Amino acid sequence: MNTKRAKRKRTSASATPRRGRPTMPEGYISAKSARGMVPWSRAQELLQGASGYWLSTTDPDGAPHLVQQWGAWINDRWFFEGSPEARWARNLARDPRAVMSVERGSEIVIVYGTVRLGVKEERDILEDVARSYVKKYGRGYDYKPTADEFETRGINALVPSKALSWDVKTFGKSPTRFLFAAEP
């Protein structure tokens, strides 16, 4: 378990990732300008509002492993929990690279990054994560974790390096790549 405190909130200058077009096969993107690209604020709304997140890790034999997880997108990081004995957790302990995605209707966000398992996070972040969990999962699933619980057992954090987003309805114009500054 990593007992170091994860990096605190990003400054406003580094909070917005750099936006551009992803590299795609010829003919996929018809737009010649930034017009129609997904704003980071919309990608954040999708990440924050999701109740189910798809997490992809890599098994020891190189095969992909995909599971749905609950979680919370707070301060440009995805926080989630679960048993360190779960297959995805064992995969991440061996290789911390992961991909997470959400979908709402025709809109998609895919986040690439590195997962830090069992981090001890700042109290205000843990309170935000707990509030998000209670809002999303408290009523329908009677799951109401507290910041104290997250503080005691730690929480997992996906630190993004890149995200892709688009709206299938406007696919020729909307594909967008977001690049994040590296964290120490």
C-alpha atoms as a PDB file:
ATOM      1  CA  MET A   1       0.000   0.000   0.000  1.00  0.00           C
ATOM      2  CA  ASN A   2       1.313   3.427  -0.932  1.00  0.00           C
ATOM      3  CA  THR A   3       1.276   5.607   2.178  1.00  0.00           C
ATOM      4  CA  LYS A   4       2.417   8.762   0.414  1.00  0.00           C
ATOM      5  CA  ARG A   5      -0.253  11.382   0.079  1.00  0.00           C
ATOM      6  CA  ALA A   6      -1.386  11.726  -3.509  1.00  0.00           C
ATOM      7  CA  LYS A   7      -0.804  15.099  -5.102  1.00  0.00           C
ATOM      8  CA  ARG A   8      -3.309  17.673  -3.969  1.00  0.00           C
ATOM      9  CA  LYS A   9      -5.605  19.637  -6.234  1.00  0.00           C
ATOM     10  CA  ARG A  10      -4.150  20.841  -9.489  1.00  0.00           C
ATOM     11  CA  THR A  11      -3.752  24.552  -9.932  1.00  0.00           C
ATOM     12  CA  SER A  12      -6.127  26.248 -12.328  1.00  0.00           C
ATOM     13  CA  ALA A  13      -3.262  26.663 -14.799  1.00  0.00           C
ATOM     14  CA  SER A  14      -2.692  22.901 -14.999  1.00  0.00           C
ATOM     15  CA  ALA A  15      -6.284  21.761 -14.402  1.00  0.00           C
ATOM     16  CA  THR A  16      -7.248  21.903 -18.069  1.00  0.00           C
ATOM     17  CA  PRO A  17      -5.497  19.313 -20.198  1.00  0.00           C
ATOM     18  CA  ARG A  18      -4.163  20.285 -23.616  1.00  0.00           C
ATOM     19  CA  ARG A  19      -6.812  19.678 -26.276  1.00  0.00           C
ATOM     20  CA  GLY A  20      -6.211  18.527 -29.839  1.00  0.00           C
ATOM     21  CA  ARG A  21      -7.269  16.028 -32.460  1.00  0.00           C
ATOM     22  CA  PRO A  22      -6.450  12.337 -31.998  1.00  0.00           C
ATOM     23  CA  THR A  23      -4.539  10.449 -34.660  1.00  0.00           C
ATOM     24  CA  MET A  24      -7.102   8.469 -36.631  1.00  0.00           C
ATOM     25  CA  PRO A  25      -7.217   6.784 -40.027  1.00  0.00           C
ATOM     26  CA  GLU A  26      -7.762   9.045 -43.016  1.00  0.00           C
ATOM     27  CA  GLY A  27     -11.417   9.894 -43.544  1.00  0.00           C
ATOM     28  CA  TYR A  28     -12.505   9.473 -39.925  1.00  0.00           C
ATOM     29  CA  ILE A  29     -12.325  13.183 -39.108  1.00  0.00           C
ATOM     30  CA  SER A  30     -13.790  15.568 -41.667  1.00  0.00           C
ATOM     31  CA  ALA A  31     -13.229  18.752 -39.659  1.00  0.00           C
ATOM     32  CA  LYS A  32     -10.178  20.842 -40.521  1.00  0.00           C
ATOM     33  CA  SER A  33     -10.404  23.088 -37.454  1.00  0.00           C
ATOM     34  CA  ALA A  34     -11.113  22.762 -33.737  1.00  0.00           C
ATOM     35  CA  ARG A  35     -14.778  23.467 -34.380  1.00  0.00           C
ATOM     36  CA  GLY A  36     -16.941  20.643 -33.072  1.00  0.00           C
ATOM     37  CA  MET A  37     -14.335  19.244 -30.687  1.00  0.00           C
ATOM     38  CA  VAL A  38     -15.531  18.154 -27.253  1.00  0.00           C
ATOM     39  CA  PRO A  39     -14.794  20.801 -24.592  1.00  0.00           C
ATOM     40  CA  TRP A  40     -12.998  19.508 -21.493  1.00  0.00           C
ATOM     41  CA  SER A  41     -15.901  20.787 -19.387  1.00  0.00           C
ATOM     42  CA  ARG A  42     -18.259  18.376 -21.209  1.00  0.00           C
ATOM     43  CA  ALA A  43     -15.883  15.428 -20.809  1.00  0.00           C
ATOM     44  CA  GLN A  44     -15.687  16.238 -17.077  1.00  0.00           C
ATOM     45  CA  GLU A  45     -19.499  16.295 -16.818  1.00  0.00           C
ATOM     46  CA  LEU A  46     -19.653  12.832 -18.362  1.00  0.00           C
ATOM     47  CA  LEU A  47     -16.910  11.504 -16.065  1.00  0.00           C
ATOM     48  CA  GLN A  48     -18.434  13.062 -12.938  1.00  0.00           C
ATOM     49  CA  GLY A  49     -21.990  11.991 -13.762  1.00  0.00           C
ATOM     50  CA  ALA A  50     -21.263   8.362 -14.598  1.00  0.00           C
ATOM     51  CA  SER A  51     -22.360   5.667 -12.181  1.00  0.00           C
ATOM     52  CA  GLY A  52     -20.644   2.794 -13.984  1.00  0.00           C
ATOM     53  CA  TYR A  53     -17.061   2.979 -15.215  1.00  0.00           C
ATOM     54  CA  TRP A  54     -15.410   0.333 -17.388  1.00  0.00           C
ATOM     55  CA  LEU A  55     -11.880  -0.506 -16.236  1.00  0.00           C
ATOM     56  CA  SER A  56      -9.472  -2.371 -18.494  1.00  0.00           C
ATOM     57  CA  THR A  57      -6.287  -3.964 -17.137  1.00  0.00           C
ATOM     58  CA  THR A  58      -3.869  -6.545 -18.524  1.00  0.00           C
ATOM     59  CA  ASP A  59      -3.612 -10.126 -17.289  1.00  0.00           C
ATOM     60  CA  PRO A  60      -0.159 -11.698 -16.766  1.00  0.00           C
ATOM     61  CA  ASP A  61      -0.487 -13.527 -20.109  1.00  0.00           C
ATOM     62  CA  GLY A  62      -1.190 -10.233 -21.916  1.00  0.00           C
ATOM     63  CA  ALA A  63      -4.929 -10.812 -22.299  1.00  0.00           C
ATOM     64  CA  PRO A  64      -7.228  -7.858 -21.607  1.00  0.00           C
ATOM     65  CA  HIS A  65      -9.394  -7.913 -18.482  1.00  0.00           C
ATOM     66  CA  LEU A  66     -12.497  -5.689 -18.395  1.00  0.00           C
ATOM     67  CA  VAL A  67     -14.726  -5.009 -15.390  1.00  0.00           C
ATOM     68  CA  GLN A  68     -17.305  -2.438 -14.445  1.00  0.00           C
ATOM     69  CA  GLN A  69     -16.493  -0.424 -11.324  1.00  0.00           C
ATOM     70  CA  TRP A  70     -18.132   2.236  -9.232  1.00  0.00           C
ATOM     71  CA  GLY A  71     -16.130   5.382  -8.741  1.00  0.00           C
ATOM     72  CA  ALA A  72     -15.867   9.151  -8.551  1.00  0.00           C
ATOM     73  CA  TRP A  73     -14.128  11.625 -10.868  1.00  0.00           C
ATOM     74  CA  ILE A  74     -12.659  14.308  -8.582  1.00  0.00           C
ATOM     75  CA  ASN A  75     -10.014  16.914  -9.500  1.00  0.00           C
ATOM     76  CA  ASP A  76      -9.077  15.214 -12.761  1.00  0.00           C
ATOM     77  CA  ARG A  77      -8.506  11.806 -11.178  1.00  0.00           C
ATOM     78  CA  TRP A  78     -10.722   8.751 -10.993  1.00  0.00           C
ATOM     79  CA  PHE A  79     -11.089   7.247  -7.521  1.00  0.00           C
ATOM     80  CA  PHE A  80     -12.417   3.723  -7.023  1.00  0.00           C
ATOM     81  CA  GLU A  81     -12.201   0.915  -4.508  1.00  0.00           C
ATOM     82  CA  GLY A  82     -12.303  -2.837  -4.202  1.00  0.00           C
ATOM     83  CA  SER A  83     -10.503  -5.843  -2.838  1.00  0.00           C
ATOM     84  CA  PRO A  84      -6.760  -6.078  -3.454  1.00  0.00           C
ATOM     85  CA  GLU A  85      -7.464  -9.774  -4.164  1.00  0.00           C
ATOM     86  CA  ALA A  86      -9.672  -8.977  -7.182  1.00  0.00           C
ATOM     87  CA  ARG A  87      -8.184  -9.904 -10.527  1.00  0.00           C
ATOM     88  CA  TRP A  88      -8.083  -6.279 -11.717  1.00  0.00           C
ATOM     89  CA  ALA A  89      -6.241  -5.241  -8.519  1.00  0.00           C
ATOM     90  CA  ARG A  90      -3.667  -8.009  -8.899  1.00  0.00           C
ATOM     91  CA  ASN A  91      -3.204  -6.946 -12.521  1.00  0.00           C
ATOM     92  CA  LEU A  92      -2.675  -3.312 -11.468  1.00  0.00           C
ATOM     93  CA  ALA A  93      -0.213  -4.294  -8.725  1.00  0.00           C
ATOM     94  CA  ARG A  94       1.890  -5.933 -11.447  1.00  0.00           C
ATOM     95  CA  ASP A  95       1.273  -3.326 -14.200  1.00  0.00           C
ATOM     96  CA  PRO A  96      -0.355  -0.034 -13.093  1.00  0.00           C
ATOM     97  CA  ARG A  97      -1.319   1.070 -16.607  1.00  0.00           C
ATOM     98  CA  ALA A  98      -5.077   1.081 -17.194  1.00  0.00           C
ATOM     99  CA  VAL A  99      -7.847   2.417 -19.385  1.00  0.00           C
ATOM    100  CA  MET A 100     -11.216   3.567 -18.030  1.00  0.00           C
ATOM    101  CA  SER A 101     -14.249   4.590 -20.062  1.00  0.00           C
ATOM    102  CA  VAL A 102     -17.751   5.940 -19.663  1.00  0.00           C
ATOM    103  CA  GLU A 103     -20.600   6.354 -22.093  1.00  0.00           C
ATOM    104  CA  ARG A 104     -23.809   8.360 -21.928  1.00  0.00           C
ATOM    105  CA  GLY A 105     -26.061   8.031 -24.939  1.00  0.00           C
ATOM    106  CA  SER A 106     -23.909   8.799 -27.963  1.00  0.00           C
ATOM    107  CA  GLU A 107     -21.111  10.481 -25.960  1.00  0.00           C
ATOM    108  CA  ILE A 108     -17.948   8.650 -24.931  1.00  0.00           C
ATOM    109  CA  VAL A 109     -14.891   9.423 -22.795  1.00  0.00           C
ATOM    110  CA  ILE A 110     -11.900   7.061 -22.615  1.00  0.00           C
ATOM    111  CA  VAL A 111      -9.159   7.796 -20.053  1.00  0.00           C
ATOM    112  CA  TYR A 112      -5.639   6.304 -20.185  1.00  0.00           C
ATOM    113  CA  GLY A 113      -3.384   6.491 -17.168  1.00  0.00           C
ATOM    114  CA  THR A 114      -1.604   4.901 -14.260  1.00  0.00           C
ATOM    115  CA  VAL A 115      -3.364   3.578 -11.170  1.00  0.00           C
ATOM    116  CA  ARG A 116      -1.997   4.126  -7.683  1.00  0.00           C
ATOM    117  CA  LEU A 117      -3.392   1.434  -5.408  1.00  0.00           C
ATOM    118  CA  GLY A 118      -4.341   2.144  -1.797  1.00  0.00           C
ATOM    119  CA  VAL A 119      -3.271   5.788  -1.741  1.00  0.00           C
ATOM    120  CA  LYS A 120      -3.720   7.912   1.348  1.00  0.00           C
ATOM    121  CA  GLU A 121      -5.407  11.008  -0.005  1.00  0.00           C
ATOM    122  CA  GLU A 122      -6.020  14.479   1.410  1.00  0.00           C
ATOM    123  CA  ARG A 123      -9.081  14.641   3.663  1.00  0.00           C
ATOM    124  CA  ASP A 124     -11.018  17.128   1.499  1.00  0.00           C
ATOM    125  CA  ILE A 125     -10.619  14.843  -1.520  1.00  0.00           C
ATOM    126  CA  LEU A 126     -11.824  11.820   0.474  1.00  0.00           C
ATOM    127  CA  GLU A 127     -14.867  13.796   1.599  1.00  0.00           C
ATOM    128  CA  ASP A 128     -15.636  14.679  -2.034  1.00  0.00           C
ATOM    129  CA  VAL A 129     -15.249  11.028  -3.058  1.00  0.00           C
ATOM    130  CA  ALA A 130     -17.526   9.867  -0.220  1.00  0.00           C
ATOM    131  CA  ARG A 131     -20.176  12.476  -1.145  1.00  0.00           C
ATOM    132  CA  SER A 132     -20.047  11.365  -4.769  1.00  0.00           C
ATOM    133  CA  TYR A 133     -20.426   7.691  -3.799  1.00  0.00           C
ATOM    134  CA  VAL A 134     -23.382   8.427  -1.501  1.00  0.00           C
ATOM    135  CA  LYS A 135     -25.078  10.518  -4.200  1.00  0.00           C
ATOM    136  CA  LYS A 136     -24.598   7.835  -6.865  1.00  0.00           C
ATOM    137  CA  TYR A 137     -24.915   4.608  -4.898  1.00  0.00           C
ATOM    138  CA  GLY A 138     -26.470   5.448  -1.519  1.00  0.00           C
ATOM    139  CA  ARG A 139     -30.129   5.430  -2.417  1.00  0.00           C
ATOM    140  CA  GLY A 140     -30.328   2.640  -4.973  1.00  0.00           C
ATOM    141  CA  TYR A 141     -27.721   0.351  -3.417  1.00  0.00           C
ATOM    142  CA  ASP A 142     -27.649   1.535   0.205  1.00  0.00           C
ATOM    143  CA  TYR A 143     -23.892   2.046  -0.097  1.00  0.00           C
ATOM    144  CA  LYS A 144     -22.683   5.035   1.891  1.00  0.00           C
ATOM    145  CA  PRO A 145     -18.932   4.939   2.532  1.00  0.00           C
ATOM    146  CA  THR A 146     -17.384   7.708   4.600  1.00  0.00           C
ATOM    147  CA  ALA A 147     -14.185   9.687   4.255  1.00  0.00           C
ATOM    148  CA  ASP A 148     -13.007   7.954   7.459  1.00  0.00           C
ATOM    149  CA  GLU A 149     -13.386   4.544   5.795  1.00  0.00           C
ATOM    150  CA  PHE A 150     -11.427   5.673   2.739  1.00  0.00           C
ATOM    151  CA  GLU A 151      -8.782   7.209   5.013  1.00  0.00           C
ATOM    152  CA  THR A 152      -8.393   3.943   6.945  1.00  0.00           C
ATOM    153  CA  ARG A 153      -8.166   1.538   4.033  1.00  0.00           C
ATOM    154  CA  GLY A 154      -6.890   3.842   1.290  1.00  0.00           C
ATOM    155  CA  ILE A 155      -8.410   4.297  -2.130  1.00  0.00           C
ATOM    156  CA  ASN A 156      -7.275   3.675  -5.678  1.00  0.00           C
ATOM    157  CA  ALA A 157      -6.604   6.614  -7.991  1.00  0.00           C
ATOM    158  CA  LEU A 158      -6.251   6.576 -11.757  1.00  0.00           C
ATOM    159  CA  VAL A 159      -3.983   9.470 -12.720  1.00  0.00           C
ATOM    160  CA  PRO A 160      -4.706  10.288 -16.369  1.00  0.00           C
ATOM    161  CA  SER A 161      -2.098  10.821 -19.048  1.00  0.00           C
ATOM    162  CA  LYS A 162      -4.493  11.058 -21.986  1.00  0.00           C
ATOM    163  CA  ALA A 163      -8.231  11.048 -22.668  1.00  0.00           C
ATOM    164  CA  LEU A 164     -10.244  10.665 -25.847  1.00  0.00           C
ATOM    165  CA  SER A 165     -13.810  11.843 -26.284  1.00  0.00           C
ATOM    166  CA  TRP A 166     -16.382  12.093 -29.051  1.00  0.00           C
ATOM    167  CA  ASP A 167     -20.072  12.107 -29.805  1.00  0.00           C
ATOM    168  CA  VAL A 168     -21.055   9.380 -32.253  1.00  0.00           C
ATOM    169  CA  LYS A 169     -23.768  11.669 -33.681  1.00  0.00           C
ATOM    170  CA  THR A 170     -21.107  14.165 -34.807  1.00  0.00           C
ATOM    171  CA  PHE A 171     -18.203  11.781 -35.227  1.00  0.00           C
ATOM    172  CA  GLY A 172     -16.654  13.532 -38.233  1.00  0.00           C
ATOM    173  CA  LYS A 173     -16.127  16.686 -36.154  1.00  0.00           C
ATOM    174  CA  SER A 174     -16.089  15.704 -32.485  1.00  0.00           C
ATOM    175  CA  PRO A 175     -13.107  13.366 -31.858  1.00  0.00           C
ATOM    176  CA  THR A 176     -10.909  15.084 -29.285  1.00  0.00           C
ATOM    177  CA  ARG A 177      -7.707  14.133 -27.477  1.00  0.00           C
ATOM    178  CA  PHE A 178      -6.798  15.615 -24.102  1.00  0.00           C
ATOM    179  CA  LEU A 179      -3.193  15.398 -22.877  1.00  0.00           C
ATOM    180  CA  PHE A 180      -2.492  15.802 -19.159  1.00  0.00           C
ATOM    181  CA  ALA A 181       0.669  17.177 -17.598  1.00  0.00           C
ATOM    182  CA  ALA A 182       2.695  14.456 -15.894  1.00  0.00           C
ATOM    183  CA  GLU A 183       2.452  14.278 -12.105  1.00  0.00           C
ATOM    184  CA  PRO A 184       5.529  13.577  -9.987  1.00  0.00           C
END
